[in-house]
Amino acid sequence: MSLFLARPDAVPRLIGVVHLPPLPGAPRRGPGLSAVIARAVADARALADGGADAAIVENLGDAPFAAEVVGPETIAAMTAVLLAVKDAVPGLPLGVNVLRNDALAALSIAAVTGASFIRVNVLTGVMATDQGLITGRARELLQLRTRLGAEHVQIAADILVKHATPLGPVELEDAARDTFHRGGADAILITGTGTGRPTDLGDLRRARAAIPTAPIWVASGVEPDQAAALRGLVDVAVVGTWLHTDGDLSLPVDAARVVKLRASLG
């Protein structure tokens, strides 16, 4: 069943995050592309073995991030990673998130690698971030998707995303409606204030009430103790930090943790 349809049994799907070490050209020196690929493949296998429904690959190790346009070396490296993961773990749906907010690059990578979806941190509006001001480019993204004939690549978009602040007062409900109805998102992501920080259940309920027909994804701070509260409230849980050994992003994904979280979701 598509990740972008509601679950009839109210049990959230699980998308695990494959966090990449620094890629070639990143501000901090990384281990080299071969080592990055090996780590990504191992983490994706752990997610699949643990029962995750999909995985999303993102260049977390490239911090501090480019705000809106990454270099060609980043696009090339992420394309190589996605192709390697796809070959090593066939059947696992894949997504792409090019941090901080290069949605055009993410869509291009997805289109040529056969990935199923992308994540866009800022699809509509303007957010003040640690990279500066980031402006949503929904029109350009949808135009590119049409030009590439890649309408099968779905767009999961954050609203009031973590590590960011809107330039003026914005109600969550308005951001949700604008991103889904006007921005063309296929799913809406709700996060806490930072990576690994809990998401307010009240925010999830407000988004669900504002856009009842939209797939709602929770995308930060999900742990087994709170998983039961998500049933019937969200369609997907995107989980990164907790799935790593000891909850440490520098360590590999632990398949046993994936199994535990998958069971706690239902």
Protein backbone atom coordinates (compact mmCIF):
# COMPACT_ATOMS: atom_id res chain seq x y z
CA MET A 1 0.00 0.00 0.00
CA SER A 2 1.20 3.51 -0.77
CA LEU A 3 2.91 5.48 1.97
CA PHE A 4 0.67 8.35 0.90
CA LEU A 5 -2.66 6.71 1.69
CA ALA A 6 -4.33 6.51 5.08
CA ARG A 7 -3.95 3.25 6.99
CA PRO A 8 -7.34 1.54 7.32
CA ASP A 9 -6.16 -0.13 10.56
CA ALA A 10 -4.91 3.18 12.03
CA VAL A 11 -1.42 1.70 12.57
CA PRO A 12 1.28 4.14 11.42
CA ARG A 13 3.80 3.01 8.86
CA LEU A 14 7.48 3.33 9.79
CA ILE A 15 10.02 5.17 7.66
CA GLY A 16 13.58 4.91 8.94
CA VAL A 17 16.19 7.55 8.18
CA VAL A 18 19.55 6.70 6.63
CA HIS A 19 21.82 9.49 7.88
CA LEU A 20 24.86 9.88 5.66
CA PRO A 21 28.31 10.82 7.00
CA PRO A 22 29.94 13.86 5.36
CA LEU A 23 29.91 13.52 1.59
CA PRO A 24 32.70 14.62 -0.74
CA GLY A 25 32.79 18.41 -0.68
CA ALA A 26 31.15 18.75 2.75
CA PRO A 27 32.49 21.36 5.21
CA ARG A 28 33.86 18.57 7.42
CA ARG A 29 36.06 15.83 6.03
CA GLY A 30 34.24 12.55 5.64
CA PRO A 31 35.34 8.92 5.36
CA GLY A 32 35.16 8.84 1.56
CA LEU A 33 32.34 7.86 -0.75
CA SER A 34 32.98 4.11 -0.56
CA ALA A 35 32.69 4.17 3.22
CA VAL A 36 29.58 6.37 3.05
CA ILE A 37 27.92 3.90 0.70
CA ALA A 38 28.87 0.93 2.88
CA ARG A 39 27.35 2.60 5.95
CA ALA A 40 24.19 3.57 4.05
CA VAL A 41 23.71 0.03 2.76
CA ALA A 42 24.21 -1.44 6.23
CA ASP A 43 21.74 0.98 7.81
CA ALA A 44 19.15 0.35 5.08
CA ARG A 45 19.50 -3.41 5.56
CA ALA A 46 18.98 -3.00 9.30
CA LEU A 47 15.83 -0.98 8.64
CA ALA A 48 14.48 -3.59 6.23
CA ASP A 49 15.38 -6.47 8.55
CA GLY A 50 13.65 -4.72 11.43
CA GLY A 51 10.39 -4.26 9.52
CA ALA A 52 10.53 -0.63 8.37
CA ASP A 53 8.15 0.15 5.53
CA ALA A 54 10.58 2.50 3.77
CA ALA A 55 13.80 4.45 4.24
CA ILE A 56 14.72 8.04 3.49
CA VAL A 57 18.32 8.98 2.71
CA GLU A 58 19.54 12.38 3.84
CA ASN A 59 22.92 14.13 3.96
CA LEU A 60 22.91 14.94 7.68
CA GLY A 61 26.70 14.81 7.87
CA ASP A 62 27.03 17.77 5.50
CA ALA A 63 26.26 20.34 8.22
CA PRO A 64 26.56 23.27 8.20
CA PHE A 65 24.24 23.00 5.25
CA ALA A 66 23.82 25.00 2.07
CA ALA A 67 20.51 26.80 2.39
CA GLU A 68 18.76 26.11 -0.91
CA VAL A 69 21.22 24.89 -3.57
CA VAL A 70 23.82 22.17 -3.00
CA GLY A 71 26.84 21.61 -5.21
CA PRO A 72 26.95 19.13 -8.09
CA GLU A 73 29.30 16.91 -6.06
CA THR A 74 26.57 16.44 -3.44
CA ILE A 75 23.99 15.50 -6.06
CA ALA A 76 26.40 13.05 -7.67
CA ALA A 77 27.32 11.44 -4.35
CA MET A 78 23.71 11.08 -3.19
CA THR A 79 22.75 9.57 -6.53
CA ALA A 80 25.50 6.98 -6.12
CA VAL A 81 24.31 6.22 -2.58
CA LEU A 82 20.67 5.80 -3.62
CA LEU A 83 21.59 3.47 -6.48
CA ALA A 84 23.77 1.34 -4.20
CA VAL A 85 21.08 1.07 -1.53
CA LYS A 86 18.44 0.24 -4.13
CA ASP A 87 20.61 -2.57 -5.51
CA ALA A 88 21.53 -3.93 -2.06
CA VAL A 89 18.05 -3.78 -0.50
CA PRO A 90 15.60 -4.38 -3.35
CA GLY A 91 11.96 -3.90 -2.51
CA LEU A 92 12.55 -1.27 0.18
CA PRO A 93 10.87 1.99 -0.94
CA LEU A 94 13.32 4.88 -0.78
CA GLY A 95 13.03 8.61 -0.28
CA VAL A 96 15.48 11.51 -0.62
CA ASN A 97 16.03 14.60 1.51
CA VAL A 98 18.74 16.99 0.32
CA LEU A 99 19.47 19.24 3.27
CA ARG A 100 18.88 21.94 3.93
CA ASN A 101 16.24 22.56 1.31
CA ASP A 102 17.35 21.67 -2.21
CA ALA A 103 14.05 20.16 -3.30
CA LEU A 104 14.93 20.39 -6.99
CA ALA A 105 18.06 18.30 -6.41
CA ALA A 106 16.11 15.79 -4.32
CA LEU A 107 13.48 15.39 -7.03
CA SER A 108 16.12 14.98 -9.72
CA ILE A 109 17.90 12.29 -7.71
CA ALA A 110 14.62 10.50 -7.03
CA ALA A 111 13.61 10.61 -10.67
CA VAL A 112 16.81 9.00 -11.96
CA THR A 113 17.25 6.45 -9.14
CA GLY A 114 13.68 5.21 -8.88
CA ALA A 115 13.07 6.60 -5.41
CA SER A 116 9.43 6.89 -4.38
CA PHE A 117 9.33 10.22 -2.57
CA ILE A 118 11.22 13.28 -1.39
CA ARG A 119 11.10 15.35 1.75
CA VAL A 120 11.05 19.14 1.53
CA ASN A 121 11.66 21.13 4.70
CA VAL A 122 10.22 24.39 3.33
CA LEU A 123 7.81 24.00 0.42
CA THR A 124 5.83 27.21 0.90
CA GLY A 125 6.42 30.44 2.79
CA VAL A 126 9.66 31.81 4.22
CA MET A 127 11.51 30.50 7.28
CA ALA A 128 14.40 31.97 9.22
CA THR A 129 16.94 29.22 9.87
CA ASP A 130 20.55 28.76 10.93
CA GLN A 131 21.33 28.84 7.19
CA GLY A 132 19.56 32.18 6.76
CA LEU A 133 16.22 32.79 5.09
CA ILE A 134 14.78 29.86 3.14
CA THR A 135 11.97 30.43 0.65
CA GLY A 136 9.61 27.74 -0.54
CA ARG A 137 9.80 26.92 -4.25
CA ALA A 138 6.66 24.85 -4.71
CA ARG A 139 5.92 26.17 -8.20
CA GLU A 140 9.40 25.36 -9.53
CA LEU A 141 9.34 21.94 -7.91
CA LEU A 142 6.00 20.94 -9.42
CA GLN A 143 7.06 22.29 -12.80
CA LEU A 144 10.24 20.19 -12.66
CA ARG A 145 8.27 17.10 -11.67
CA THR A 146 6.05 17.57 -14.71
CA ARG A 147 9.01 18.18 -17.06
CA LEU A 148 10.74 15.04 -15.81
CA GLY A 149 7.58 12.95 -16.13
CA ALA A 150 8.13 12.08 -12.47
CA GLU A 151 4.62 12.52 -11.11
CA HIS A 152 5.08 9.18 -9.34
CA VAL A 153 7.63 10.82 -7.01
CA GLN A 154 5.57 12.02 -4.06
CA ILE A 155 6.33 15.16 -2.05
CA ALA A 156 6.32 15.03 1.74
CA ALA A 157 6.60 18.57 3.08
CA ASP A 158 7.25 19.91 6.55
CA ILE A 159 5.23 22.73 8.04
CA LEU A 160 6.83 25.05 10.60
CA VAL A 161 9.84 22.77 10.36
CA LYS A 162 12.32 22.14 13.17
CA HIS A 163 15.37 24.38 13.52
CA ALA A 164 13.41 27.23 11.91
CA THR A 165 11.11 30.13 12.73
CA PRO A 166 8.54 31.82 10.47
CA LEU A 167 9.16 35.48 9.74
CA GLY A 168 5.80 36.46 11.21
CA PRO A 169 2.96 34.89 13.15
CA VAL A 170 1.66 31.81 11.33
CA GLU A 171 -1.00 29.48 12.64
CA LEU A 172 -0.19 25.80 12.23
CA GLU A 173 -3.57 25.20 10.62
CA ASP A 174 -2.96 27.88 7.98
CA ALA A 175 0.51 26.53 7.23
CA ALA A 176 -0.92 23.04 6.85
CA ARG A 177 -3.69 24.16 4.50
CA ASP A 178 -1.38 26.29 2.36
CA THR A 179 1.27 23.58 2.05
CA PHE A 180 -1.20 20.84 1.16
CA HIS A 181 -3.79 22.66 -0.94
CA ARG A 182 -1.77 25.49 -2.49
CA GLY A 183 1.77 24.09 -2.37
CA GLY A 184 0.89 20.70 -3.79
CA ALA A 185 2.35 18.51 -1.04
CA ASP A 186 1.25 14.87 -1.05
CA ALA A 187 1.84 14.50 2.72
CA ILE A 188 2.43 16.88 5.61
CA LEU A 189 5.21 16.42 8.19
CA ILE A 190 5.03 17.70 11.76
CA THR A 191 8.16 17.87 13.93
CA GLY A 192 9.35 19.05 17.30
CA THR A 193 11.71 22.00 17.63
CA GLY A 194 14.86 20.05 16.79
CA THR A 195 16.32 16.74 15.64
CA GLY A 196 15.21 13.94 17.96
CA ARG A 197 12.99 16.24 20.03
CA PRO A 198 9.40 15.12 20.73
CA THR A 199 6.56 16.29 18.53
CA ASP A 200 3.61 17.87 20.32
CA LEU A 201 0.61 15.56 19.98
CA GLY A 202 -1.58 18.65 20.05
CA ASP A 203 0.11 19.89 16.88
CA LEU A 204 -0.67 16.58 15.19
CA ARG A 205 -4.32 16.85 16.20
CA ARG A 206 -4.53 20.43 14.92
CA ALA A 207 -3.04 19.45 11.57
CA ARG A 208 -5.40 16.49 11.28
CA ALA A 209 -8.40 18.73 11.96
CA ALA A 210 -7.24 21.36 9.46
CA ILE A 211 -6.56 18.98 6.57
CA PRO A 212 -8.53 15.79 7.34
CA THR A 213 -7.92 14.24 3.91
CA ALA A 214 -4.13 14.69 3.98
CA PRO A 215 -1.63 12.04 5.05
CA ILE A 216 -0.03 13.31 8.28
CA TRP A 217 3.49 12.21 9.19
CA VAL A 218 5.21 12.68 12.54
CA ALA A 219 8.89 13.31 11.93
CA SER A 220 10.86 13.79 15.13
CA GLY A 221 11.25 12.38 18.62
CA VAL A 222 9.31 9.14 18.14
CA GLU A 223 10.22 6.47 20.73
CA PRO A 224 8.47 3.25 21.81
CA ASP A 225 6.97 4.77 24.96
CA GLN A 226 4.90 7.27 22.96
CA ALA A 227 4.20 5.14 19.91
CA ALA A 228 0.79 3.90 21.05
CA ALA A 229 -0.48 7.49 21.23
CA LEU A 230 0.18 7.90 17.51
CA ARG A 231 -2.26 5.21 16.38
CA GLY A 232 -5.17 6.74 14.53
CA LEU A 233 -3.48 10.15 14.70
CA VAL A 234 -0.76 9.86 12.04
CA ASP A 235 -0.29 7.75 8.94
CA VAL A 236 3.52 7.55 9.07
CA ALA A 237 6.24 7.87 11.68
CA VAL A 238 9.61 9.03 10.33
CA VAL A 239 12.26 7.94 12.81
CA GLY A 240 15.99 8.53 12.80
CA THR A 241 17.74 9.13 16.10
CA TRP A 242 16.14 6.45 18.27
CA LEU A 243 16.82 3.67 15.76
CA HIS A 244 20.58 4.07 16.02
CA THR A 245 22.57 2.01 18.52
CA ASP A 246 22.13 3.67 21.94
CA GLY A 247 20.23 6.45 20.17
CA ASP A 248 23.58 7.83 18.97
CA LEU A 249 23.53 9.20 15.41
CA SER A 250 27.24 8.45 15.01
CA LEU A 251 26.58 4.72 15.46
CA PRO A 252 24.86 2.32 13.01
CA VAL A 253 21.14 1.63 12.90
CA ASP A 254 20.26 -1.23 15.25
CA ALA A 255 17.84 -3.73 13.68
CA ALA A 256 16.66 -4.81 17.13
CA ARG A 257 15.59 -1.24 17.87
CA VAL A 258 13.72 -1.12 14.57
CA VAL A 259 11.88 -4.32 15.55
CA LYS A 260 10.99 -2.85 18.95
CA LEU A 261 9.68 0.41 17.55
CA ARG A 262 7.78 -1.34 14.77
CA ALA A 263 6.06 -3.53 17.39
CA SER A 264 5.24 -0.54 19.59
CA LEU A 265 3.54 1.25 16.69
CA GLY A 266 1.25 -1.76 16.24
